Amino acid sequence: MIYVFSTVRVRKEYFSEAVDFYIDFVSDVLEKEPGCLEYSPTISIDPELPDKDEGTIFVAERWKTVDSFKAHLDMPYRQAFLEKMEPLLVDGIFTRITQRVV
């Protein structure tokens, strides 16, 4: 199993629209990709932090294999999702593929 973490910086005026896009996208991923074990877009809610990461969506994913994640990258609905998201982004989507060390 692998873990994928993405940071998505969205223009603040489009934040709720971007969150709505993710809500629709999650159901596609989970329904159509058996290699995806979890796909969870999240937002920062800690009011005590000086920088609340407003305008940022953090995506936590779990995949069975690197190959199942790579197949996800070529899915047509993912391409359509990226086309909708691109104009809303500040500077792209930054992704890291990781694995457990223990």
PDB file of N, CA and C in Angstrom:
ATOM      1  N   MET A   1       0.846  -1.173   0.000  1.00  0.00           N
ATOM      2  CA  MET A   1       0.000   0.000   0.000  1.00  0.00           C
ATOM      3  C   MET A   1       0.896   1.243   0.000  1.00  0.00           C
ATOM      4  N   ILE A   2       0.431   2.268  -0.704  1.00  0.00           N
ATOM      5  CA  ILE A   2       1.140   3.547  -0.712  1.00  0.00           C
ATOM      6  C   ILE A   2       0.203   4.650  -0.232  1.00  0.00           C
ATOM      7  N   TYR A   3       0.814   5.740   0.185  1.00  0.00           N
ATOM      8  CA  TYR A   3       0.079   6.934   0.600  1.00  0.00           C
ATOM      9  C   TYR A   3       0.454   8.057  -0.353  1.00  0.00           C
ATOM     10  N   VAL A   4      -0.540   8.835  -0.721  1.00  0.00           N
ATOM     11  CA  VAL A   4      -0.310   9.989  -1.591  1.00  0.00           C
ATOM     12  C   VAL A   4      -0.868  11.212  -0.876  1.00  0.00           C
ATOM     13  N   PHE A   5      -0.051  12.258  -0.813  1.00  0.00           N
ATOM     14  CA  PHE A   5      -0.469  13.505  -0.173  1.00  0.00           C
ATOM     15  C   PHE A   5      -0.315  14.636  -1.170  1.00  0.00           C
ATOM     16  N   SER A   6      -1.378  15.397  -1.352  1.00  0.00           N
ATOM     17  CA  SER A   6      -1.339  16.534  -2.275  1.00  0.00           C
ATOM     18  C   SER A   6      -1.740  17.808  -1.547  1.00  0.00           C
ATOM     19  N   THR A   7      -1.100  18.885  -1.926  1.00  0.00           N
ATOM     20  CA  THR A   7      -1.436  20.218  -1.433  1.00  0.00           C
ATOM     21  C   THR A   7      -1.942  21.013  -2.622  1.00  0.00           C
ATOM     22  N   VAL A   8      -3.155  21.546  -2.486  1.00  0.00           N
ATOM     23  CA  VAL A   8      -3.822  22.249  -3.580  1.00  0.00           C
ATOM     24  C   VAL A   8      -4.112  23.670  -3.117  1.00  0.00           C
ATOM     25  N   ARG A   9      -3.347  24.629  -3.617  1.00  0.00           N
ATOM     26  CA  ARG A   9      -3.566  26.029  -3.248  1.00  0.00           C
ATOM     27  C   ARG A   9      -4.524  26.660  -4.247  1.00  0.00           C
ATOM     28  N   VAL A  10      -5.659  27.116  -3.740  1.00  0.00           N
ATOM     29  CA  VAL A  10      -6.744  27.639  -4.562  1.00  0.00           C
ATOM     30  C   VAL A  10      -6.867  29.149  -4.338  1.00  0.00           C
ATOM     31  N   ARG A  11      -7.180  29.880  -5.398  1.00  0.00           N
ATOM     32  CA  ARG A  11      -7.467  31.313  -5.248  1.00  0.00           C
ATOM     33  C   ARG A  11      -8.656  31.436  -4.290  1.00  0.00           C
ATOM     34  N   LYS A  12      -8.514  32.286  -3.289  1.00  0.00           N
ATOM     35  CA  LYS A  12      -9.518  32.353  -2.215  1.00  0.00           C
ATOM     36  C   LYS A  12     -10.932  32.593  -2.724  1.00  0.00           C
ATOM     37  N   GLU A  13     -11.068  33.379  -3.769  1.00  0.00           N
ATOM     38  CA  GLU A  13     -12.415  33.667  -4.276  1.00  0.00           C
ATOM     39  C   GLU A  13     -13.077  32.446  -4.924  1.00  0.00           C
ATOM     40  N   TYR A  14     -12.299  31.401  -5.207  1.00  0.00           N
ATOM     41  CA  TYR A  14     -12.834  30.190  -5.845  1.00  0.00           C
ATOM     42  C   TYR A  14     -12.810  28.981  -4.919  1.00  0.00           C
ATOM     43  N   PHE A  15     -12.521  29.208  -3.632  1.00  0.00           N
ATOM     44  CA  PHE A  15     -12.319  28.085  -2.719  1.00  0.00           C
ATOM     45  C   PHE A  15     -13.547  27.181  -2.634  1.00  0.00           C
ATOM     46  N   SER A  16     -14.738  27.731  -2.412  1.00  0.00           N
ATOM     47  CA  SER A  16     -15.916  26.859  -2.277  1.00  0.00           C
ATOM     48  C   SER A  16     -16.229  26.130  -3.565  1.00  0.00           C
ATOM     49  N   GLU A  17     -15.958  26.754  -4.695  1.00  0.00           N
ATOM     50  CA  GLU A  17     -16.156  26.076  -5.983  1.00  0.00           C
ATOM     51  C   GLU A  17     -15.186  24.889  -6.105  1.00  0.00           C
ATOM     52  N   ALA A  18     -13.943  25.086  -5.700  1.00  0.00           N
ATOM     53  CA  ALA A  18     -12.949  24.008  -5.749  1.00  0.00           C
ATOM     54  C   ALA A  18     -13.348  22.856  -4.825  1.00  0.00           C
ATOM     55  N   VAL A  19     -13.835  23.170  -3.637  1.00  0.00           N
ATOM     56  CA  VAL A  19     -14.288  22.134  -2.708  1.00  0.00           C
ATOM     57  C   VAL A  19     -15.435  21.346  -3.339  1.00  0.00           C
ATOM     58  N   ASP A  20     -16.370  22.025  -3.980  1.00  0.00           N
ATOM     59  CA  ASP A  20     -17.483  21.338  -4.660  1.00  0.00           C
ATOM     60  C   ASP A  20     -16.976  20.411  -5.760  1.00  0.00           C
ATOM     61  N   PHE A  21     -15.976  20.852  -6.528  1.00  0.00           N
ATOM     62  CA  PHE A  21     -15.388  19.997  -7.566  1.00  0.00           C
ATOM     63  C   PHE A  21     -14.815  18.728  -6.943  1.00  0.00           C
ATOM     64  N   TYR A  22     -14.136  18.880  -5.804  1.00  0.00           N
ATOM     65  CA  TYR A  22     -13.561  17.713  -5.132  1.00  0.00           C
ATOM     66  C   TYR A  22     -14.647  16.763  -4.633  1.00  0.00           C
ATOM     67  N   ILE A  23     -15.732  17.292  -4.113  1.00  0.00           N
ATOM     68  CA  ILE A  23     -16.821  16.439  -3.621  1.00  0.00           C
ATOM     69  C   ILE A  23     -17.318  15.531  -4.745  1.00  0.00           C
ATOM     70  N   ASP A  24     -17.513  16.086  -5.925  1.00  0.00           N
ATOM     71  CA  ASP A  24     -17.948  15.276  -7.074  1.00  0.00           C
ATOM     72  C   ASP A  24     -16.864  14.291  -7.505  1.00  0.00           C
ATOM     73  N   PHE A  25     -15.624  14.727  -7.491  1.00  0.00           N
ATOM     74  CA  PHE A  25     -14.507  13.916  -7.957  1.00  0.00           C
ATOM     75  C   PHE A  25     -14.272  12.690  -7.067  1.00  0.00           C
ATOM     76  N   VAL A  26     -14.430  12.853  -5.765  1.00  0.00           N
ATOM     77  CA  VAL A  26     -14.206  11.744  -4.831  1.00  0.00           C
ATOM     78  C   VAL A  26     -15.090  10.557  -5.176  1.00  0.00           C
ATOM     79  N   SER A  27     -16.351  10.791  -5.455  1.00  0.00           N
ATOM     80  CA  SER A  27     -17.246   9.672  -5.756  1.00  0.00           C
ATOM     81  C   SER A  27     -16.805   8.940  -7.019  1.00  0.00           C
ATOM     82  N   ASP A  28     -16.334   9.671  -8.037  1.00  0.00           N
ATOM     83  CA  ASP A  28     -15.813   9.014  -9.243  1.00  0.00           C
ATOM     84  C   ASP A  28     -14.637   8.114  -8.905  1.00  0.00           C
ATOM     85  N   VAL A  29     -13.683   8.643  -8.171  1.00  0.00           N
ATOM     86  CA  VAL A  29     -12.474   7.880  -7.841  1.00  0.00           C
ATOM     87  C   VAL A  29     -12.832   6.617  -7.063  1.00  0.00           C
ATOM     88  N   LEU A  30     -13.621   6.758  -6.019  1.00  0.00           N
ATOM     89  CA  LEU A  30     -13.924   5.615  -5.162  1.00  0.00           C
ATOM     90  C   LEU A  30     -14.802   4.576  -5.859  1.00  0.00           C
ATOM     91  N   GLU A  31     -15.689   5.009  -6.731  1.00  0.00           N
ATOM     92  CA  GLU A  31     -16.575   4.076  -7.428  1.00  0.00           C
ATOM     93  C   GLU A  31     -15.892   3.373  -8.596  1.00  0.00           C
ATOM     94  N   LYS A  32     -14.990   4.062  -9.280  1.00  0.00           N
ATOM     95  CA  LYS A  32     -14.450   3.546 -10.538  1.00  0.00           C
ATOM     96  C   LYS A  32     -13.042   2.976 -10.448  1.00  0.00           C
ATOM     97  N   GLU A  33     -12.384   3.141  -9.290  1.00  0.00           N
ATOM     98  CA  GLU A  33     -11.000   2.701  -9.190  1.00  0.00           C
ATOM     99  C   GLU A  33     -10.814   1.777  -7.983  1.00  0.00           C
ATOM    100  N   PRO A  34     -10.849   0.472  -8.227  1.00  0.00           N
ATOM    101  CA  PRO A  34     -10.713  -0.474  -7.118  1.00  0.00           C
ATOM    102  C   PRO A  34      -9.358  -0.414  -6.425  1.00  0.00           C
ATOM    103  N   GLY A  35      -8.360   0.180  -7.070  1.00  0.00           N
ATOM    104  CA  GLY A  35      -7.047   0.312  -6.449  1.00  0.00           C
ATOM    105  C   GLY A  35      -6.979   1.421  -5.418  1.00  0.00           C
ATOM    106  N   CYS A  36      -8.021   2.262  -5.357  1.00  0.00           N
ATOM    107  CA  CYS A  36      -8.042   3.362  -4.389  1.00  0.00           C
ATOM    108  C   CYS A  36      -8.739   2.898  -3.113  1.00  0.00           C
ATOM    109  N   LEU A  37      -8.009   2.970  -2.013  1.00  0.00           N
ATOM    110  CA  LEU A  37      -8.550   2.562  -0.718  1.00  0.00           C
ATOM    111  C   LEU A  37      -9.146   3.735   0.059  1.00  0.00           C
ATOM    112  N   GLU A  38      -8.629   4.921  -0.203  1.00  0.00           N
ATOM    113  CA  GLU A  38      -9.128   6.129   0.459  1.00  0.00           C
ATOM    114  C   GLU A  38      -8.764   7.335  -0.390  1.00  0.00           C
ATOM    115  N   TYR A  39      -9.692   8.278  -0.463  1.00  0.00           N
ATOM    116  CA  TYR A  39      -9.442   9.540  -1.166  1.00  0.00           C
ATOM    117  C   TYR A  39     -10.150  10.626  -0.367  1.00  0.00           C
ATOM    118  N   SER A  40      -9.378  11.402   0.395  1.00  0.00           N
ATOM    119  CA  SER A  40      -9.962  12.332   1.361  1.00  0.00           C
ATOM    120  C   SER A  40      -9.431  13.750   1.213  1.00  0.00           C
ATOM    121  N   PRO A  41     -10.173  14.621   0.509  1.00  0.00           N
ATOM    122  CA  PRO A  41      -9.809  16.036   0.516  1.00  0.00           C
ATOM    123  C   PRO A  41     -10.144  16.615   1.896  1.00  0.00           C
ATOM    124  N   THR A  42      -9.230  17.398   2.450  1.00  0.00           N
ATOM    125  CA  THR A  42      -9.432  17.980   3.778  1.00  0.00           C
ATOM    126  C   THR A  42      -9.048  19.455   3.747  1.00  0.00           C
ATOM    127  N   ILE A  43      -9.540  20.190   4.747  1.00  0.00           N
ATOM    128  CA  ILE A  43      -9.178  21.597   4.892  1.00  0.00           C
ATOM    129  C   ILE A  43      -8.753  21.848   6.326  1.00  0.00           C
ATOM    130  N   SER A  44      -7.920  22.838   6.531  1.00  0.00           N
ATOM    131  CA  SER A  44      -7.418  23.186   7.860  1.00  0.00           C
ATOM    132  C   SER A  44      -8.535  23.848   8.665  1.00  0.00           C
ATOM    133  N   ILE A  45      -8.658  23.420   9.936  1.00  0.00           N
ATOM    134  CA  ILE A  45      -9.701  24.011  10.792  1.00  0.00           C
ATOM    135  C   ILE A  45      -9.165  24.468  12.141  1.00  0.00           C
ATOM    136  N   ASP A  46      -7.862  24.407  12.363  1.00  0.00           N
ATOM    137  CA  ASP A  46      -7.301  24.756  13.672  1.00  0.00           C
ATOM    138  C   ASP A  46      -7.293  26.274  13.848  1.00  0.00           C
ATOM    139  N   PRO A  47      -8.197  26.815  14.674  1.00  0.00           N
ATOM    140  CA  PRO A  47      -8.280  28.273  14.836  1.00  0.00           C
ATOM    141  C   PRO A  47      -7.103  28.868  15.605  1.00  0.00           C
ATOM    142  N   GLU A  48      -6.296  28.041  16.259  1.00  0.00           N
ATOM    143  CA  GLU A  48      -5.174  28.526  17.051  1.00  0.00           C
ATOM    144  C   GLU A  48      -3.925  28.782  16.215  1.00  0.00           C
ATOM    145  N   LEU A  49      -3.873  28.217  15.011  1.00  0.00           N
ATOM    146  CA  LEU A  49      -2.691  28.405  14.180  1.00  0.00           C
ATOM    147  C   LEU A  49      -2.683  29.801  13.570  1.00  0.00           C
ATOM    148  N   PRO A  50      -1.522  30.454  13.559  1.00  0.00           N
ATOM    149  CA  PRO A  50      -1.468  31.794  12.969  1.00  0.00           C
ATOM    150  C   PRO A  50      -1.735  31.777  11.458  1.00  0.00           C
ATOM    151  N   ASP A  51      -1.307  30.727  10.784  1.00  0.00           N
ATOM    152  CA  ASP A  51      -1.577  30.581   9.356  1.00  0.00           C
ATOM    153  C   ASP A  51      -2.505  29.391   9.210  1.00  0.00           C
ATOM    154  N   LYS A  52      -3.766  29.661   8.963  1.00  0.00           N
ATOM    155  CA  LYS A  52      -4.770  28.602   8.914  1.00  0.00           C
ATOM    156  C   LYS A  52      -4.817  27.906   7.564  1.00  0.00           C
ATOM    157  N   ASP A  53      -3.875  28.208   6.680  1.00  0.00           N
ATOM    158  CA  ASP A  53      -3.852  27.602   5.351  1.00  0.00           C
ATOM    159  C   ASP A  53      -5.152  27.853   4.601  1.00  0.00           C
ATOM    160  N   GLU A  54      -5.720  29.034   4.795  1.00  0.00           N
ATOM    161  CA  GLU A  54      -6.946  29.375   4.075  1.00  0.00           C
ATOM    162  C   GLU A  54      -6.658  29.338   2.585  1.00  0.00           C
ATOM    163  N   GLY A  55      -7.566  28.741   1.860  1.00  0.00           N
ATOM    164  CA  GLY A  55      -7.368  28.627   0.427  1.00  0.00           C
ATOM    165  C   GLY A  55      -6.582  27.394   0.025  1.00  0.00           C
ATOM    166  N   THR A  56      -6.338  26.490   0.978  1.00  0.00           N
ATOM    167  CA  THR A  56      -5.586  25.276   0.663  1.00  0.00           C
ATOM    168  C   THR A  56      -6.428  24.044   0.962  1.00  0.00           C
ATOM    169  N   ILE A  57      -6.423  23.113   0.014  1.00  0.00           N
ATOM    170  CA  ILE A  57      -7.046  21.806   0.193  1.00  0.00           C
ATOM    171  C   ILE A  57      -5.909  20.793   0.295  1.00  0.00           C
ATOM    172  N   PHE A  58      -5.963  19.961   1.325  1.00  0.00           N
ATOM    173  CA  PHE A  58      -4.976  18.899   1.507  1.00  0.00           C
ATOM    174  C   PHE A  58      -5.674  17.583   1.184  1.00  0.00           C
ATOM    175  N   VAL A  59      -5.093  16.791   0.297  1.00  0.00           N
ATOM    176  CA  VAL A  59      -5.720  15.537  -0.107  1.00  0.00           C
ATOM    177  C   VAL A  59      -4.857  14.376   0.393  1.00  0.00           C
ATOM    178  N   ALA A  60      -5.488  13.483   1.168  1.00  0.00           N
ATOM    179  CA  ALA A  60      -4.831  12.279   1.668  1.00  0.00           C
ATOM    180  C   ALA A  60      -5.443  11.077   0.942  1.00  0.00           C
ATOM    181  N   GLU A  61      -4.564  10.258   0.371  1.00  0.00           N
ATOM    182  CA  GLU A  61      -5.024   9.106  -0.404  1.00  0.00           C
ATOM    183  C   GLU A  61      -4.267   7.858   0.020  1.00  0.00           C
ATOM    184  N   ARG A  62      -4.937   6.712  -0.117  1.00  0.00           N
ATOM    185  CA  ARG A  62      -4.278   5.415   0.049  1.00  0.00           C
ATOM    186  C   ARG A  62      -4.601   4.586  -1.184  1.00  0.00           C
ATOM    187  N   TRP A  63      -3.559   3.987  -1.759  1.00  0.00           N
ATOM    188  CA  TRP A  63      -3.695   3.165  -2.967  1.00  0.00           C
ATOM    189  C   TRP A  63      -3.065   1.808  -2.720  1.00  0.00           C
ATOM    190  N   LYS A  64      -3.598   0.778  -3.381  1.00  0.00           N
ATOM    191  CA  LYS A  64      -3.047  -0.570  -3.230  1.00  0.00           C
ATOM    192  C   LYS A  64      -1.603  -0.631  -3.715  1.00  0.00           C
ATOM    193  N   THR A  65      -1.333   0.009  -4.863  1.00  0.00           N
ATOM    194  CA  THR A  65       0.015  -0.048  -5.457  1.00  0.00           C
ATOM    195  C   THR A  65       0.334   1.265  -6.155  1.00  0.00           C
ATOM    196  N   VAL A  66       1.603   1.466  -6.452  1.00  0.00           N
ATOM    197  CA  VAL A  66       2.006   2.625  -7.249  1.00  0.00           C
ATOM    198  C   VAL A  66       1.354   2.551  -8.626  1.00  0.00           C
ATOM    199  N   ASP A  67       1.275   1.345  -9.199  1.00  0.00           N
ATOM    200  CA  ASP A  67       0.653   1.199 -10.519  1.00  0.00           C
ATOM    201  C   ASP A  67      -0.820   1.600 -10.515  1.00  0.00           C
ATOM    202  N   SER A  68      -1.543   1.278  -9.439  1.00  0.00           N
ATOM    203  CA  SER A  68      -2.957   1.684  -9.395  1.00  0.00           C
ATOM    204  C   SER A  68      -3.069   3.204  -9.313  1.00  0.00           C
ATOM    205  N   PHE A  69      -2.137   3.849  -8.599  1.00  0.00           N
ATOM    206  CA  PHE A  69      -2.147   5.314  -8.562  1.00  0.00           C
ATOM    207  C   PHE A  69      -1.788   5.889  -9.933  1.00  0.00           C
ATOM    208  N   LYS A  70      -0.789   5.331 -10.581  1.00  0.00           N
ATOM    209  CA  LYS A  70      -0.403   5.826 -11.910  1.00  0.00           C
ATOM    210  C   LYS A  70      -1.543   5.670 -12.913  1.00  0.00           C
ATOM    211  N   ALA A  71      -2.309   4.588 -12.820  1.00  0.00           N
ATOM    212  CA  ALA A  71      -3.472   4.410 -13.704  1.00  0.00           C
ATOM    213  C   ALA A  71      -4.502   5.512 -13.449  1.00  0.00           C
ATOM    214  N   HIS A  72      -4.649   5.899 -12.200  1.00  0.00           N
ATOM    215  CA  HIS A  72      -5.564   6.984 -11.821  1.00  0.00           C
ATOM    216  C   HIS A  72      -5.218   8.279 -12.563  1.00  0.00           C
ATOM    217  N   LEU A  73      -3.930   8.524 -12.739  1.00  0.00           N
ATOM    218  CA  LEU A  73      -3.486   9.768 -13.375  1.00  0.00           C
ATOM    219  C   LEU A  73      -3.968   9.896 -14.817  1.00  0.00           C
ATOM    220  N   ASP A  74      -4.262   8.778 -15.469  1.00  0.00           N
ATOM    221  CA  ASP A  74      -4.698   8.789 -16.868  1.00  0.00           C
ATOM    222  C   ASP A  74      -6.206   8.655 -17.059  1.00  0.00           C
ATOM    223  N   MET A  75      -6.956   8.594 -15.974  1.00  0.00           N
ATOM    224  CA  MET A  75      -8.413   8.437 -16.097  1.00  0.00           C
ATOM    225  C   MET A  75      -9.024   9.680 -16.749  1.00  0.00           C
ATOM    226  N   PRO A  76      -9.950   9.492 -17.694  1.00  0.00           N
ATOM    227  CA  PRO A  76     -10.546  10.639 -18.388  1.00  0.00           C
ATOM    228  C   PRO A  76     -11.269  11.607 -17.450  1.00  0.00           C
ATOM    229  N   TYR A  77     -11.951  11.104 -16.431  1.00  0.00           N
ATOM    230  CA  TYR A  77     -12.648  12.008 -15.511  1.00  0.00           C
ATOM    231  C   TYR A  77     -11.661  12.793 -14.663  1.00  0.00           C
ATOM    232  N   ARG A  78     -10.452  12.258 -14.440  1.00  0.00           N
ATOM    233  CA  ARG A  78      -9.425  13.032 -13.741  1.00  0.00           C
ATOM    234  C   ARG A  78      -8.934  14.170 -14.620  1.00  0.00           C
ATOM    235  N   GLN A  79      -8.765  13.898 -15.892  1.00  0.00           N
ATOM    236  CA  GLN A  79      -8.345  14.947 -16.817  1.00  0.00           C
ATOM    237  C   GLN A  79      -9.397  16.069 -16.867  1.00  0.00           C
ATOM    238  N   ALA A  80     -10.677  15.688 -16.914  1.00  0.00           N
ATOM    239  CA  ALA A  80     -11.761  16.682 -16.923  1.00  0.00           C
ATOM    240  C   ALA A  80     -11.758  17.486 -15.620  1.00  0.00           C
ATOM    241  N   PHE A  81     -11.512  16.809 -14.493  1.00  0.00           N
ATOM    242  CA  PHE A  81     -11.437  17.477 -13.200  1.00  0.00           C
ATOM    243  C   PHE A  81     -10.310  18.515 -13.200  1.00  0.00           C
ATOM    244  N   LEU A  82      -9.134  18.128 -13.695  1.00  0.00           N
ATOM    245  CA  LEU A  82      -7.991  19.043 -13.729  1.00  0.00           C
ATOM    246  C   LEU A  82      -8.261  20.252 -14.614  1.00  0.00           C
ATOM    247  N   GLU A  83      -8.955  20.045 -15.730  1.00  0.00           N
ATOM    248  CA  GLU A  83      -9.292  21.175 -16.610  1.00  0.00           C
ATOM    249  C   GLU A  83     -10.188  22.174 -15.892  1.00  0.00           C
ATOM    250  N   LYS A  84     -11.121  21.691 -15.067  1.00  0.00           N
ATOM    251  CA  LYS A  84     -11.986  22.592 -14.302  1.00  0.00           C
ATOM    252  C   LYS A  84     -11.218  23.285 -13.178  1.00  0.00           C
ATOM    253  N   MET A  85     -10.294  22.558 -12.560  1.00  0.00           N
ATOM    254  CA  MET A  85      -9.566  23.095 -11.410  1.00  0.00           C
ATOM    255  C   MET A  85      -8.466  24.076 -11.794  1.00  0.00           C
ATOM    256  N   GLU A  86      -7.817  23.855 -12.898  1.00  0.00           N
ATOM    257  CA  GLU A  86      -6.631  24.638 -13.250  1.00  0.00           C
ATOM    258  C   GLU A  86      -6.816  26.150 -13.142  1.00  0.00           C
ATOM    259  N   PRO A  87      -7.911  26.723 -13.662  1.00  0.00           N
ATOM    260  CA  PRO A  87      -8.058  28.184 -13.550  1.00  0.00           C
ATOM    261  C   PRO A  87      -8.264  28.676 -12.114  1.00  0.00           C
ATOM    262  N   LEU A  88      -8.607  27.778 -11.195  1.00  0.00           N
ATOM    263  CA  LEU A  88      -8.866  28.159  -9.809  1.00  0.00           C
ATOM    264  C   LEU A  88      -7.611  28.130  -8.942  1.00  0.00           C
ATOM    265  N   LEU A  89      -6.540  27.543  -9.463  1.00  0.00           N
ATOM    266  CA  LEU A  89      -5.342  27.298  -8.666  1.00  0.00           C
ATOM    267  C   LEU A  89      -4.402  28.490  -8.618  1.00  0.00           C
ATOM    268  N   VAL A  90      -3.712  28.617  -7.494  1.00  0.00           N
ATOM    269  CA  VAL A  90      -2.688  29.645  -7.332  1.00  0.00           C
ATOM    270  C   VAL A  90      -1.426  29.213  -8.066  1.00  0.00           C
ATOM    271  N   ASP A  91      -0.964  27.994  -7.786  1.00  0.00           N
ATOM    272  CA  ASP A  91       0.295  27.554  -8.385  1.00  0.00           C
ATOM    273  C   ASP A  91       0.389  26.045  -8.564  1.00  0.00           C
ATOM    274  N   GLY A  92      -0.686  25.414  -8.883  1.00  0.00           N
ATOM    275  CA  GLY A  92      -0.647  23.991  -9.185  1.00  0.00           C
ATOM    276  C   GLY A  92      -0.949  23.102  -8.001  1.00  0.00           C
ATOM    277  N   ILE A  93      -0.840  21.805  -8.252  1.00  0.00           N
ATOM    278  CA  ILE A  93      -1.079  20.782  -7.242  1.00  0.00           C
ATOM    279  C   ILE A  93       0.254  20.084  -6.985  1.00  0.00           C
ATOM    280  N   PHE A  94       0.683  20.060  -5.720  1.00  0.00           N
ATOM    281  CA  PHE A  94       1.945  19.433  -5.355  1.00  0.00           C
ATOM    282  C   PHE A  94       1.656  18.095  -4.697  1.00  0.00           C
ATOM    283  N   THR A  95       2.217  17.021  -5.240  1.00  0.00           N
ATOM    284  CA  THR A  95       1.903  15.670  -4.801  1.00  0.00           C
ATOM    285  C   THR A  95       3.159  14.916  -4.397  1.00  0.00           C
ATOM    286  N   ARG A  96       3.029  14.115  -3.314  1.00  0.00           N
ATOM    287  CA  ARG A  96       4.093  13.237  -2.861  1.00  0.00           C
ATOM    288  C   ARG A  96       3.537  11.830  -2.706  1.00  0.00           C
ATOM    289  N   ILE A  97       4.279  10.848  -3.223  1.00  0.00           N
ATOM    290  CA  ILE A  97       3.925   9.439  -3.053  1.00  0.00           C
ATOM    291  C   ILE A  97       4.845   8.893  -1.970  1.00  0.00           C
ATOM    292  N   THR A  98       4.240   8.274  -0.945  1.00  0.00           N
ATOM    293  CA  THR A  98       5.031   7.808   0.198  1.00  0.00           C
ATOM    294  C   THR A  98       4.671   6.365   0.542  1.00  0.00           C
ATOM    295  N   GLN A  99       5.487   5.776   1.399  1.00  0.00           N
ATOM    296  CA  GLN A  99       5.181   4.472   1.950  1.00  0.00           C
ATOM    297  C   GLN A  99       5.533   4.461   3.430  1.00  0.00           C
ATOM    298  N   ARG A 100       4.925   3.555   4.160  1.00  0.00           N
ATOM    299  CA  ARG A 100       5.216   3.446   5.593  1.00  0.00           C
ATOM    300  C   ARG A 100       6.643   2.993   5.813  1.00  0.00           C
ATOM    301  N   VAL A 101       7.232   3.446   6.883  1.00  0.00           N
ATOM    302  CA  VAL A 101       8.597   3.028   7.212  1.00  0.00           C
ATOM    303  C   VAL A 101       8.600   1.913   8.273  1.00  0.00           C
ATOM    304  N   VAL A 102       7.490   1.665   8.887  1.00  0.00           N
ATOM    305  CA  VAL A 102       7.404   0.617   9.903  1.00  0.00           C
ATOM    306  C   VAL A 102       6.319  -0.362   9.546  1.00  0.00           C
TER     307      VAL A 102
END
